[in-house]
N, C-alpha and C. Protein backbone atom coordinates (compact mmCIF):
# COMPACT_ATOMS: atom_id res chain seq x y z
N MET A 1 0.71 -1.10 -0.10
CA MET A 1 -0.13 0.02 -0.01
C MET A 1 0.74 1.30 -0.17
N PRO A 2 0.46 2.39 -1.08
CA PRO A 2 1.50 3.43 -0.81
C PRO A 2 1.46 4.21 0.28
N VAL A 3 2.52 4.87 0.56
CA VAL A 3 2.46 5.85 1.83
C VAL A 3 1.71 7.05 1.60
N ALA A 4 0.92 7.45 2.53
CA ALA A 4 0.13 8.72 2.39
C ALA A 4 1.13 9.95 2.35
N LEU A 5 1.14 10.75 1.20
CA LEU A 5 1.92 12.07 1.09
C LEU A 5 1.29 13.31 1.51
N LYS A 6 2.42 13.77 2.50
CA LYS A 6 2.02 15.13 3.11
C LYS A 6 3.31 15.81 2.66
N HIS A 7 3.86 16.82 3.17
CA HIS A 7 4.96 17.55 2.84
C HIS A 7 6.08 17.09 3.52
N ILE A 8 6.81 16.28 2.88
CA ILE A 8 7.98 15.71 3.47
C ILE A 8 9.27 16.06 2.72
N GLU A 9 10.15 16.41 3.27
CA GLU A 9 11.38 16.77 3.10
C GLU A 9 12.46 15.67 3.33
N GLU A 10 13.31 15.36 2.23
CA GLU A 10 14.14 14.13 2.37
C GLU A 10 15.66 15.00 2.13
N GLU A 11 16.69 14.92 3.03
CA GLU A 11 17.92 15.40 3.21
C GLU A 11 18.85 14.20 2.21
N GLN A 12 19.56 14.60 1.23
CA GLN A 12 20.33 13.99 0.53
C GLN A 12 21.65 14.65 0.18
N VAL A 13 22.54 13.64 -0.08
CA VAL A 13 24.10 14.23 -0.57
C VAL A 13 24.03 13.87 -1.83
N VAL A 14 24.77 14.79 -2.43
CA VAL A 14 25.01 14.63 -4.14
C VAL A 14 26.25 15.38 -4.29
N ARG A 15 27.00 14.87 -5.39
CA ARG A 15 28.25 15.24 -5.69
C ARG A 15 28.08 16.30 -7.16
N CYS A 16 28.71 17.34 -6.75
CA CYS A 16 29.01 18.33 -7.88
C CYS A 16 29.33 17.68 -9.39
N ALA A 17 28.90 17.90 -10.31
CA ALA A 17 29.11 17.32 -11.60
C ALA A 17 30.44 18.08 -12.09
N TRP A 18 30.67 19.32 -11.51
CA TRP A 18 31.72 20.11 -12.09
C TRP A 18 33.09 19.99 -11.20
N CYS A 19 32.91 20.26 -9.68
CA CYS A 19 34.33 20.22 -9.05
C CYS A 19 34.14 18.91 -8.19
N LEU A 20 33.33 18.14 -8.26
CA LEU A 20 33.22 16.95 -7.46
C LEU A 20 32.98 16.91 -5.95
N HIS A 21 32.76 18.23 -5.52
CA HIS A 21 32.52 18.54 -3.89
C HIS A 21 31.14 17.92 -3.52
N GLU A 22 30.86 17.29 -2.37
CA GLU A 22 29.67 16.59 -2.06
C GLU A 22 28.94 17.85 -1.36
N PHE A 23 27.63 17.87 -1.62
CA PHE A 23 26.89 18.94 -0.91
C PHE A 23 25.22 18.61 -0.61
N GLU A 24 24.65 18.89 0.37
CA GLU A 24 23.51 18.69 0.80
C GLU A 24 22.43 19.34 0.05
N VAL A 25 21.27 18.50 -0.31
CA VAL A 25 20.09 19.00 -0.86
C VAL A 25 18.99 18.51 -0.19
N TYR A 26 17.76 19.20 -0.31
CA TYR A 26 16.43 18.70 0.26
C TYR A 26 15.60 18.40 -0.60
N VAL A 27 14.94 17.33 -0.85
CA VAL A 27 14.01 16.90 -1.74
C VAL A 27 12.56 16.79 -1.17
N ASP A 28 11.75 17.39 -1.78
CA ASP A 28 10.30 17.45 -1.34
C ASP A 28 9.65 16.18 -1.90
N VAL A 29 9.47 15.11 -1.26
CA VAL A 29 9.04 13.76 -2.02
C VAL A 29 7.53 13.81 -2.20
N THR A 30 6.81 14.93 -1.69
CA THR A 30 5.46 15.20 -2.38
C THR A 30 5.42 16.23 -3.53
N ALA A 31 6.16 16.33 -4.20
CA ALA A 31 6.32 17.12 -5.33
C ALA A 31 6.32 16.27 -6.50
N GLY A 32 6.20 14.89 -6.59
CA GLY A 32 6.15 14.18 -7.57
C GLY A 32 7.19 13.28 -7.46
N LEU A 33 7.10 11.94 -8.08
CA LEU A 33 7.98 10.87 -8.00
C LEU A 33 9.03 10.92 -8.92
N GLU A 34 8.78 11.74 -10.01
CA GLU A 34 10.21 12.15 -10.97
C GLU A 34 10.10 13.71 -11.07
N GLN A 35 11.25 14.18 -10.56
CA GLN A 35 11.56 15.66 -10.41
C GLN A 35 12.67 15.95 -11.10
N THR A 36 12.90 16.97 -11.79
CA THR A 36 14.08 17.45 -12.35
C THR A 36 14.25 19.01 -11.81
N TYR A 37 15.39 19.42 -11.31
CA TYR A 37 15.51 20.78 -10.94
C TYR A 37 17.15 21.26 -10.86
N MET A 38 17.52 22.40 -10.82
CA MET A 38 18.73 23.01 -11.04
C MET A 38 19.13 23.41 -9.60
N GLU A 39 20.25 23.09 -8.94
CA GLU A 39 20.83 23.51 -7.73
C GLU A 39 22.36 23.72 -8.04
N GLU A 40 22.47 24.99 -7.58
CA GLU A 40 24.00 25.52 -7.67
C GLU A 40 25.07 24.85 -6.56
N CYS A 41 26.13 24.37 -7.04
CA CYS A 41 27.05 23.76 -6.03
C CYS A 41 27.33 24.98 -4.80
N GLN A 42 27.58 24.62 -3.62
CA GLN A 42 27.86 25.22 -2.67
C GLN A 42 29.19 25.60 -2.53
N VAL A 43 30.22 25.04 -3.41
CA VAL A 43 31.82 25.37 -3.40
C VAL A 43 31.91 26.11 -4.52
N CYS A 44 31.47 25.78 -5.66
CA CYS A 44 32.16 26.39 -7.24
C CYS A 44 30.83 27.15 -7.77
N SER A 45 29.76 26.93 -7.06
CA SER A 45 28.52 27.80 -7.81
C SER A 45 28.20 27.65 -9.05
N ARG A 46 28.52 26.50 -9.64
CA ARG A 46 28.15 26.01 -11.09
C ARG A 46 26.84 25.41 -10.97
N PRO A 47 25.96 25.56 -12.05
CA PRO A 47 24.75 24.77 -11.95
C PRO A 47 24.99 23.07 -12.18
N ASN A 48 23.98 22.50 -11.55
CA ASN A 48 23.86 20.91 -11.68
C ASN A 48 22.29 21.01 -11.79
N VAL A 49 22.11 19.92 -12.77
CA VAL A 49 20.91 19.29 -13.04
C VAL A 49 20.64 18.17 -12.14
N LEU A 50 19.57 18.31 -11.28
CA LEU A 50 19.28 17.13 -10.66
C LEU A 50 18.10 16.38 -11.16
N HIS A 51 18.33 14.92 -11.29
CA HIS A 51 17.13 14.32 -11.85
C HIS A 51 16.78 13.19 -10.34
N VAL A 52 15.50 13.53 -9.91
CA VAL A 52 15.08 12.88 -8.88
C VAL A 52 14.19 11.89 -9.07
N HIS A 53 14.50 10.56 -8.37
CA HIS A 53 13.68 9.57 -8.68
C HIS A 53 12.96 9.03 -7.35
N ILE A 54 11.69 8.87 -6.92
CA ILE A 54 11.23 8.59 -5.62
C ILE A 54 10.41 7.11 -5.89
N ASP A 55 10.73 6.30 -5.06
CA ASP A 55 10.07 4.98 -4.91
C ASP A 55 8.61 5.25 -4.27
N PRO A 56 7.71 4.85 -5.07
CA PRO A 56 6.33 5.23 -4.57
C PRO A 56 5.91 4.14 -3.34
N GLU A 57 6.62 3.16 -3.25
CA GLU A 57 6.09 2.43 -2.04
C GLU A 57 6.95 2.78 -0.78
N THR A 58 8.42 2.89 -0.91
CA THR A 58 8.98 3.27 0.18
C THR A 58 9.56 4.80 0.19
N LEU A 59 9.08 5.62 -0.63
CA LEU A 59 9.68 6.82 -0.72
C LEU A 59 11.21 7.08 -0.64
N ALA A 60 11.76 6.01 -1.10
CA ALA A 60 13.47 5.87 -1.15
C ALA A 60 13.88 6.99 -2.39
N VAL A 61 14.64 7.86 -1.98
CA VAL A 61 15.02 8.94 -3.19
C VAL A 61 16.48 8.30 -3.61
N SER A 62 16.63 8.47 -4.88
CA SER A 62 17.80 8.58 -5.75
C SER A 62 18.06 9.78 -6.57
N ILE A 63 19.07 10.14 -6.89
CA ILE A 63 19.37 11.36 -7.52
C ILE A 63 20.36 11.04 -8.33
N ASP A 64 20.31 11.48 -9.71
CA ASP A 64 21.40 11.49 -10.60
C ASP A 64 21.50 12.94 -11.04
N VAL A 65 22.95 13.23 -11.07
CA VAL A 65 23.47 14.69 -11.35
C VAL A 65 24.21 14.79 -12.54
N GLU A 66 23.86 15.96 -13.38
CA GLU A 66 24.59 16.24 -14.61
C GLU A 66 24.95 17.82 -14.71
N PRO A 67 25.99 18.23 -15.17
CA PRO A 67 26.39 19.36 -15.38
C PRO A 67 25.16 20.25 -16.14
N GLU A 68 24.82 21.55 -15.98
CA GLU A 68 23.84 22.35 -16.71
C GLU A 68 24.55 22.79 -17.92
N GLY A 69 23.81 22.61 -18.99
CA GLY A 69 24.63 23.22 -20.26
C GLY A 69 25.21 22.32 -21.19
């Protein structure tokens, strides 16, 4: 049975596609099971495109990162 969704944020660590520094992002699991958005690296300030995938049963979050542009 799917988990009832309310506003839930999940903290995740991703690696910058440009400088490889790890930084934290917060994913709103109620914003959809497939999400794409841009997040600037906290070190080099270059844009990263985050492709977020959320398992509908467990709400487990996985993120693929690529450089923007």
